């Protein structure tokens, strides 16, 4: 008769043929001791291969675990994990409602621009590789050689800039730039309108003839419209080597002549010499035309040299 394992005597030796009852999940199965042992051994044998594989892997690698396990970085950063966890836990309740401390209003209002950028890139990017419009780099390519040239020049000369920079001359001359700026600013308003900084001579009548009188210190260029014959010129504040330009027009009532005799600084009458052109051309100038007379004062020779232009 089958017995429960708890009913078997504990001091006896079993042959294996004894019949036992196994109960599990309210089901009772009768079997011999030897059959149960054989079943257990069979299961062990069928799964032991995995044990051997695990054992082999552990045996092969475990020697290095102790030598190369460095968890210092893990230890030093784990505090940040806790901090992150605390922050997430404290604030995550408000994320879904889109309230502070993580307000995504700006994110929402700007996201449409991302779509626009995406659309533009998608529409045009096909042409970038072919170097065609809307992004044509022809000018970029044609100009880049100048960059190399500039780079070469800078590289060749820059070593001396730091050690040989002398701005003494620059500093000493800069006041003259201010003076030039002042003069230009004062007079330039008339340039655009066709004006100039020429001097208008005084017309002096002496002994029944006209004399053009001006101060050379006020300007080297004079402009005059002839209304009568001019016998001579009278120039003050002129020294050897000074020169100037006389611009003449006719008033349409002439023709009027220009003889060009000269008085220098109120002194004696000086001689004249024509180096180019002919003073007689002055009388042939028509209304609306102009003729110019370049002059040079030669004090040792006591002469005025004239250069007469063509009529324009």
Protein backbone atom coordinates (compact mmCIF):
# COMPACT_ATOMS: atom_id res chain seq x y z
CA UNK A 1 0.00 0.00 0.00
CA UNK A 2 1.34 3.44 -0.93
CA UNK A 3 2.33 5.74 1.88
CA UNK A 4 3.05 9.38 2.26
CA UNK A 5 6.70 10.38 2.46
CA UNK A 6 6.08 11.67 5.97
CA UNK A 7 4.76 8.27 6.94
CA UNK A 8 7.88 6.39 5.83
CA UNK A 9 10.32 5.39 8.53
CA UNK A 10 13.37 7.64 8.58
CA UNK A 11 15.84 5.03 9.72
CA UNK A 12 15.24 2.43 6.97
CA UNK A 13 17.24 1.98 3.83
CA UNK A 14 15.15 2.03 0.63
CA UNK A 15 15.77 -0.17 -2.38
CA UNK A 16 14.18 2.24 -4.86
CA UNK A 17 11.24 0.13 -5.70
CA UNK A 18 9.10 1.49 -2.94
CA UNK A 19 5.94 3.22 -4.03
CA UNK A 20 5.38 6.83 -2.88
CA UNK A 21 2.66 9.42 -3.35
CA UNK A 22 3.48 12.93 -4.62
CA UNK A 23 0.83 15.62 -4.06
CA UNK A 24 0.90 19.08 -5.78
CA UNK A 25 -1.92 21.49 -6.57
CA UNK A 26 -4.42 19.12 -5.04
CA UNK A 27 -3.29 16.32 -7.40
CA UNK A 28 -1.75 13.13 -6.10
CA UNK A 29 0.49 10.94 -8.27
CA UNK A 30 1.79 7.51 -7.31
CA UNK A 31 5.29 6.45 -8.34
CA UNK A 32 8.37 4.60 -7.27
CA UNK A 33 11.32 6.34 -5.61
CA UNK A 34 13.68 5.26 -8.36
CA UNK A 35 11.43 6.68 -11.09
CA UNK A 36 11.28 10.03 -9.37
CA UNK A 37 15.06 10.14 -8.98
CA UNK A 38 15.59 9.20 -12.62
CA UNK A 39 13.22 11.97 -13.75
CA UNK A 40 15.08 14.51 -11.63
CA UNK A 41 18.45 13.39 -12.97
CA UNK A 42 17.14 13.55 -16.53
CA UNK A 43 15.99 17.17 -16.08
CA UNK A 44 19.26 18.13 -14.46
CA UNK A 45 21.16 16.57 -17.35
CA UNK A 46 19.04 18.41 -19.96
CA UNK A 47 19.68 21.89 -18.47
CA UNK A 48 23.19 21.54 -17.12
CA UNK A 49 24.67 22.66 -20.46
CA UNK A 50 23.55 26.23 -19.73
CA UNK A 51 25.14 26.03 -16.32
CA UNK A 52 28.43 24.99 -17.89
CA UNK A 53 28.20 27.92 -20.38
CA UNK A 54 27.50 30.41 -17.60
CA UNK A 55 30.29 28.93 -15.54
CA UNK A 56 32.72 29.17 -18.47
CA UNK A 57 31.86 32.81 -19.15
CA UNK A 58 32.15 33.78 -15.49
CA UNK A 59 35.42 31.92 -15.10
CA UNK A 60 36.86 33.54 -18.23
CA UNK A 61 35.96 37.13 -17.27
CA UNK A 62 35.73 37.34 -13.52
CA UNK A 63 39.45 37.76 -13.08
CA UNK A 64 39.26 41.23 -14.58
CA UNK A 65 36.25 42.45 -12.69
CA UNK A 66 38.07 43.16 -9.52
CA UNK A 67 41.06 44.75 -11.26
CA UNK A 68 39.25 47.05 -13.66
CA UNK A 69 36.04 48.01 -11.98
CA UNK A 70 36.08 51.79 -11.45
CA UNK A 71 32.81 53.16 -10.19
CA UNK A 72 34.24 56.51 -9.06
CA UNK A 73 32.52 58.37 -11.92
CA UNK A 74 29.32 56.53 -11.10
CA UNK A 75 29.65 57.55 -7.49
CA UNK A 76 30.46 61.22 -8.22
CA UNK A 77 27.58 61.69 -10.64
CA UNK A 78 24.91 59.76 -8.83
CA UNK A 79 24.21 62.83 -6.72
CA UNK A 80 23.14 64.62 -9.89
CA UNK A 81 20.70 61.80 -10.61
CA UNK A 82 19.11 62.32 -7.25
CA UNK A 83 19.00 66.07 -7.89
CA UNK A 84 17.43 65.52 -11.31
CA UNK A 85 14.92 63.17 -9.82
CA UNK A 86 14.03 65.71 -7.13
CA UNK A 87 13.62 68.50 -9.71
CA UNK A 88 11.52 66.38 -12.04
CA UNK A 89 9.34 65.20 -9.19
CA UNK A 90 8.87 68.76 -7.90
CA UNK A 91 7.98 70.35 -11.25
CA UNK A 92 6.53 67.71 -13.52
CA UNK A 93 3.03 68.24 -12.25
CA UNK A 94 2.95 71.66 -13.94
CA UNK A 95 4.33 70.60 -17.32
CA UNK A 96 1.07 69.36 -18.66
CA UNK A 97 -0.68 72.63 -17.76
CA UNK A 98 2.09 74.70 -19.49
CA UNK A 99 2.70 76.88 -16.46
CA UNK A 100 5.89 78.06 -14.82
CA UNK A 101 8.61 77.08 -14.09
CA UNK A 102 8.69 75.63 -17.62
CA UNK A 103 6.60 77.98 -19.75
CA UNK A 104 6.56 76.91 -23.39
CA UNK A 105 4.70 79.98 -24.70
CA UNK A 106 7.79 81.25 -26.55
CA UNK A 107 8.41 77.77 -27.88
CA UNK A 108 4.89 77.58 -29.26
CA UNK A 109 4.95 81.10 -30.75
CA UNK A 110 8.30 80.49 -32.49
CA UNK A 111 7.71 77.03 -33.85
CA UNK A 112 5.98 78.36 -36.97
CA UNK A 113 9.31 79.87 -37.98
CA UNK A 114 10.85 76.42 -37.84
CA UNK A 115 8.27 75.23 -40.35
CA UNK A 116 9.02 78.22 -42.59
CA UNK A 117 12.74 77.52 -42.41
CA UNK A 118 12.15 73.87 -43.19
CA UNK A 119 9.97 74.80 -46.18
CA UNK A 120 12.59 77.22 -47.54
CA UNK A 121 15.42 74.73 -47.12
CA UNK A 122 13.39 71.97 -48.69
CA UNK A 123 12.43 74.19 -51.65
CA UNK A 124 15.92 75.47 -52.41
CA UNK A 125 18.41 72.90 -51.20
CA UNK A 126 18.28 70.92 -54.41
CA UNK A 127 20.09 73.75 -56.21
CA UNK A 128 22.84 74.28 -53.64
CA UNK A 129 24.97 71.43 -54.83
CA UNK A 130 24.63 72.56 -58.46
CA UNK A 131 25.68 76.12 -57.48
CA UNK A 132 22.67 77.70 -59.18
CA UNK A 133 20.20 80.33 -58.08
CA UNK A 134 18.78 81.25 -55.62
CA UNK A 135 22.22 80.80 -54.05
CA UNK A 136 24.63 81.49 -56.90
CA UNK A 137 28.23 81.46 -55.75
CA UNK A 138 29.73 82.62 -59.06
CA UNK A 139 30.78 85.95 -57.55
CA UNK A 140 32.13 84.16 -54.51
CA UNK A 141 34.27 81.91 -56.68
CA UNK A 142 35.50 84.72 -58.94
CA UNK A 143 36.45 86.91 -55.98
CA UNK A 144 38.08 84.34 -53.75
CA UNK A 145 41.42 84.67 -55.52
CA UNK A 146 41.61 88.21 -54.16
CA UNK A 147 41.28 86.84 -50.65
CA UNK A 148 44.30 84.65 -51.22
CA UNK A 149 46.19 87.65 -52.55
CA UNK A 150 45.23 89.74 -49.53
CA UNK A 151 46.19 86.91 -47.22
CA UNK A 152 49.58 86.57 -48.92
CA UNK A 153 50.24 90.32 -48.63
CA UNK A 154 49.23 90.45 -44.98
CA UNK A 155 51.26 87.38 -44.14
CA UNK A 156 54.32 88.78 -45.90
CA UNK A 157 54.22 92.20 -44.23
CA UNK A 158 52.46 91.83 -40.89
CA UNK A 159 55.58 90.75 -39.03
CA UNK A 160 56.99 94.27 -39.35
CA UNK A 161 53.85 96.14 -38.34
CA UNK A 162 54.16 95.65 -34.62
CA UNK A 163 57.89 96.40 -34.45
CA UNK A 164 58.08 99.24 -36.95
CA UNK A 165 54.88 101.17 -36.48
CA UNK A 166 55.79 104.85 -36.38
CA UNK A 167 52.85 107.23 -36.28
CA UNK A 168 54.96 110.32 -35.53
CA UNK A 169 54.52 111.70 -39.05
CA UNK A 170 50.87 110.79 -38.96
CA UNK A 171 50.38 112.69 -35.72
CA UNK A 172 52.34 115.77 -36.80
CA UNK A 173 50.51 116.05 -40.12
CA UNK A 174 46.99 115.38 -38.91
CA UNK A 175 46.36 119.02 -38.01
CA UNK A 176 46.78 119.89 -41.68
CA UNK A 177 44.06 117.39 -42.50
CA UNK A 178 41.75 119.32 -40.20
CA UNK A 179 42.71 122.55 -41.98
CA UNK A 180 42.04 120.94 -45.35
CA UNK A 181 38.71 119.62 -44.09
CA UNK A 182 37.74 123.12 -42.93
CA UNK A 183 38.60 124.70 -46.29
CA UNK A 184 36.79 121.98 -48.25
CA UNK A 185 33.74 122.16 -46.02
CA UNK A 186 33.61 125.94 -46.35
CA UNK A 187 33.85 126.03 -50.14
CA UNK A 188 32.44 122.72 -51.38
CA UNK A 189 28.83 123.90 -51.34
CA UNK A 190 29.51 125.84 -54.55
CA UNK A 191 31.29 123.01 -56.37
CA UNK A 192 28.21 120.96 -57.16
CA UNK A 193 26.59 124.04 -58.69
CA UNK A 194 29.58 124.60 -60.95
CA UNK A 195 31.17 127.21 -58.71
CA UNK A 196 34.83 127.52 -57.77
CA UNK A 197 37.16 129.41 -55.45
CA UNK A 198 38.49 131.68 -58.17
CA UNK A 199 39.16 135.38 -57.62
CA UNK A 200 37.19 138.10 -59.39
CA UNK A 201 39.61 140.89 -60.38
CA UNK A 202 38.89 144.59 -60.06
CA UNK A 203 38.56 146.49 -63.33
CA UNK A 204 40.61 149.68 -63.11
CA UNK A 205 40.49 152.46 -65.70
CA UNK A 206 43.81 154.23 -66.14
CA UNK A 207 44.71 156.57 -68.97
CA UNK A 208 41.64 155.47 -70.89
CA UNK A 209 42.42 151.72 -70.80
CA UNK A 210 41.20 148.85 -68.63
CA UNK A 211 43.51 147.11 -66.18
CA UNK A 212 42.64 143.88 -64.36
CA UNK A 213 43.86 144.17 -60.76
CA UNK A 214 43.90 141.35 -58.17
CA UNK A 215 45.69 140.08 -55.06
CA UNK A 216 47.50 136.83 -55.79
CA UNK A 217 47.38 135.91 -52.07
CA UNK A 218 43.61 135.45 -52.42
CA UNK A 219 43.90 132.91 -55.20
CA UNK A 220 45.88 131.97 -58.26
CA UNK A 221 42.87 131.67 -60.59
CA UNK A 222 40.81 134.61 -61.79
CA UNK A 223 37.66 134.70 -63.92
CA UNK A 224 36.60 137.69 -65.99
CA UNK A 225 34.08 138.50 -68.71
CA UNK A 226 35.50 141.10 -71.07
CA UNK A 227 33.34 144.21 -71.51
CA UNK A 228 36.12 146.30 -73.07
CA UNK A 229 39.69 145.93 -74.28
CA UNK A 230 42.09 145.00 -71.46
CA UNK A 231 45.48 146.61 -71.84
CA UNK A 232 47.31 145.14 -68.85
CA UNK A 233 47.15 143.20 -65.60
CA UNK A 234 48.30 144.33 -62.17
CA UNK A 235 49.16 141.58 -59.66
CA UNK A 236 50.02 142.18 -56.00
CA UNK A 237 51.67 139.84 -53.50
CA UNK A 238 53.41 137.84 -56.18
CA UNK A 239 56.99 136.51 -55.95
CA UNK A 240 59.38 134.84 -58.30
CA UNK A 241 58.04 131.53 -59.62
CA UNK A 242 54.40 132.24 -58.83
CA UNK A 243 51.90 131.19 -61.48
CA UNK A 244 48.19 131.24 -62.10
CA UNK A 245 45.33 130.97 -64.56
CA UNK A 246 43.18 133.66 -66.19
CA UNK A 247 39.78 132.48 -67.51
CA UNK A 248 38.27 134.89 -70.06
CA UNK A 249 34.88 135.16 -71.76
CA UNK A 250 33.33 137.76 -74.12
CA UNK A 251 30.14 139.66 -73.25
CA UNK A 252 28.88 139.43 -76.84
CA UNK A 253 29.28 143.16 -77.51
CA UNK A 254 32.91 142.94 -78.57
CA UNK A 255 35.09 141.54 -79.84
CA UNK A 256 37.39 142.75 -77.05
CA UNK A 257 41.16 142.27 -76.95
CA UNK A 258 43.60 141.32 -74.21
CA UNK A 259 47.11 142.78 -74.52
CA UNK A 260 48.49 141.27 -71.31
CA UNK A 261 51.07 143.86 -70.26
CA UNK A 262 51.87 143.40 -66.57
CA UNK A 263 52.45 145.51 -63.48
CA UNK A 264 53.88 143.60 -60.51
CA UNK A 265 53.18 144.82 -56.98
CA UNK A 266 52.60 148.33 -58.25
CA UNK A 267 56.10 148.43 -59.67
CA UNK A 268 57.37 149.17 -63.10
CA UNK A 269 55.80 147.76 -66.18
CA UNK A 270 57.18 144.30 -66.99
CA UNK A 271 57.67 142.70 -70.34
CA UNK A 272 55.69 139.74 -71.57
CA UNK A 273 56.54 136.64 -73.56
CA UNK A 274 54.12 134.25 -75.24
CA UNK A 275 55.38 130.66 -74.97
CA UNK A 276 52.34 128.97 -76.52
CA UNK A 277 49.27 130.13 -78.43
CA UNK A 278 48.38 133.67 -79.41
CA UNK A 279 46.81 136.46 -77.33
CA UNK A 280 45.01 137.60 -80.49
CA UNK A 281 42.78 134.52 -80.09
CA UNK A 282 41.03 136.26 -77.20
CA UNK A 283 39.22 138.57 -79.63
CA UNK A 284 37.80 135.58 -81.56
CA UNK A 285 36.03 134.05 -78.55
CA UNK A 286 32.26 133.87 -79.13
CA UNK A 287 29.60 134.25 -76.41
CA UNK A 288 29.38 130.99 -74.47
CA UNK A 289 32.99 130.07 -75.28
CA UNK A 290 36.00 130.36 -73.01
CA UNK A 291 39.75 130.78 -73.37
CA UNK A 292 42.38 130.39 -70.64
CA UNK A 293 45.73 132.10 -70.15
CA UNK A 294 48.29 130.39 -67.98
CA UNK A 295 50.98 132.73 -66.61
CA UNK A 296 54.31 132.42 -64.81
CA UNK A 297 56.26 135.26 -63.16
CA UNK A 298 60.01 135.28 -63.72
CA UNK A 299 61.31 137.98 -61.37
CA UNK A 300 65.01 137.95 -62.42
CA UNK A 301 64.01 138.41 -66.03
CA UNK A 302 61.24 140.82 -65.13
CA UNK A 303 58.87 138.93 -67.40
CA UNK A 304 55.46 137.35 -67.46
CA UNK A 305 55.28 134.16 -69.55
CA UNK A 306 51.91 133.32 -71.11
CA UNK A 307 50.46 130.00 -72.29
CA UNK A 308 47.32 130.62 -74.39
CA UNK A 309 44.86 127.72 -74.69
CA UNK A 310 42.57 126.77 -77.51
CA UNK A 311 39.03 128.16 -77.44
CA UNK A 312 36.52 125.88 -75.80
